[in-house]
Amino acid sequence: MKVYLNTVEKVKRFVEITSRFQDAIDLSGGRFVVDGKSILGIFSLNLRRPLEVITYGGAEEQEILRAVQPFAE
């Protein structure tokens, strides 16, 4: 799923949501991949472009995708 985190508030809210899950969540911005629960990691990406949410098929995968749906492009 692609998400757009173009404001500080969106990044903060995204991290609040993803931090509630046990499963790994990564964000990919081009050739860089960071922890989707790390505010500093997310700010190291180019936030003017959409980011790819990467989940690894854990038990919470569908819940994660539903929770971050409001950030979809």
Protein backbone atom coordinates (compact mmCIF):
# COMPACT_ATOMS: atom_id res chain seq x y z
CA MET A 1 0.00 0.00 0.00
CA LYS A 2 1.24 3.52 -0.77
CA VAL A 3 0.86 6.23 1.85
CA TYR A 4 1.50 9.95 1.76
CA LEU A 5 3.02 11.43 4.93
CA ASN A 6 3.58 15.02 3.86
CA THR A 7 3.14 16.78 7.23
CA VAL A 8 4.67 16.44 10.68
CA GLU A 9 1.24 15.66 12.12
CA LYS A 10 0.68 12.81 9.65
CA VAL A 11 4.07 11.30 10.51
CA LYS A 12 3.38 11.55 14.25
CA ARG A 13 -0.07 9.98 13.86
CA PHE A 14 1.28 7.22 11.60
CA VAL A 15 3.94 6.29 14.19
CA GLU A 16 1.34 6.33 17.00
CA ILE A 17 -0.79 3.88 15.01
CA THR A 18 1.99 1.55 13.83
CA SER A 19 3.61 1.39 17.28
CA ARG A 20 0.53 -0.42 18.62
CA PHE A 21 1.30 -3.51 16.52
CA GLN A 22 3.77 -6.29 17.29
CA ASP A 23 4.39 -7.22 13.63
CA ALA A 24 7.22 -5.56 11.72
CA ILE A 25 6.22 -2.61 9.56
CA ASP A 26 8.65 -0.94 7.19
CA LEU A 27 8.37 2.07 4.89
CA SER A 28 10.15 2.22 1.58
CA GLY A 29 10.99 5.48 -0.12
CA GLY A 30 12.81 4.66 -3.32
CA ARG A 31 15.89 2.65 -2.47
CA PHE A 32 15.70 3.32 1.26
CA VAL A 33 13.75 1.20 3.76
CA VAL A 34 13.15 2.31 7.34
CA ASP A 35 11.24 1.04 10.36
CA GLY A 36 7.65 2.23 10.05
CA LYS A 37 7.53 2.72 13.82
CA SER A 38 10.51 5.10 13.89
CA ILE A 39 9.74 8.79 13.65
CA LEU A 40 13.40 9.60 12.95
CA GLY A 41 13.60 6.91 10.29
CA ILE A 42 10.50 8.24 8.54
CA PHE A 43 11.83 11.80 8.59
CA SER A 44 14.98 10.56 6.81
CA LEU A 45 12.85 9.70 3.75
CA ASN A 46 11.67 12.04 1.00
CA LEU A 47 8.19 12.87 2.31
CA ARG A 48 7.19 14.73 -0.84
CA ARG A 49 6.68 11.37 -2.53
CA PRO A 50 4.41 8.46 -1.62
CA LEU A 51 5.92 5.77 0.57
CA GLU A 52 5.33 2.03 0.33
CA VAL A 53 4.11 0.28 3.50
CA ILE A 54 5.74 -3.13 3.80
CA THR A 55 4.30 -5.81 6.06
CA TYR A 56 5.60 -9.36 6.26
CA GLY A 57 2.44 -11.45 6.35
CA GLY A 58 2.16 -11.64 10.12
CA ALA A 59 -1.03 -12.27 12.03
CA GLU A 60 -1.78 -8.54 12.20
CA GLU A 61 -1.22 -7.73 8.52
CA GLN A 62 -4.86 -6.98 7.63
CA GLU A 63 -5.35 -4.92 10.80
CA ILE A 64 -2.24 -2.88 10.00
CA LEU A 65 -3.39 -2.17 6.46
CA ARG A 66 -6.82 -1.09 7.70
CA ALA A 67 -5.26 1.16 10.35
CA VAL A 68 -3.01 2.99 7.89
CA GLN A 69 -5.69 3.23 5.17
CA PRO A 70 -6.44 6.91 5.99
CA PHE A 71 -2.90 7.77 4.84
CA ALA A 72 -3.30 6.08 1.44
CA GLU A 73 -2.84 8.30 -1.57
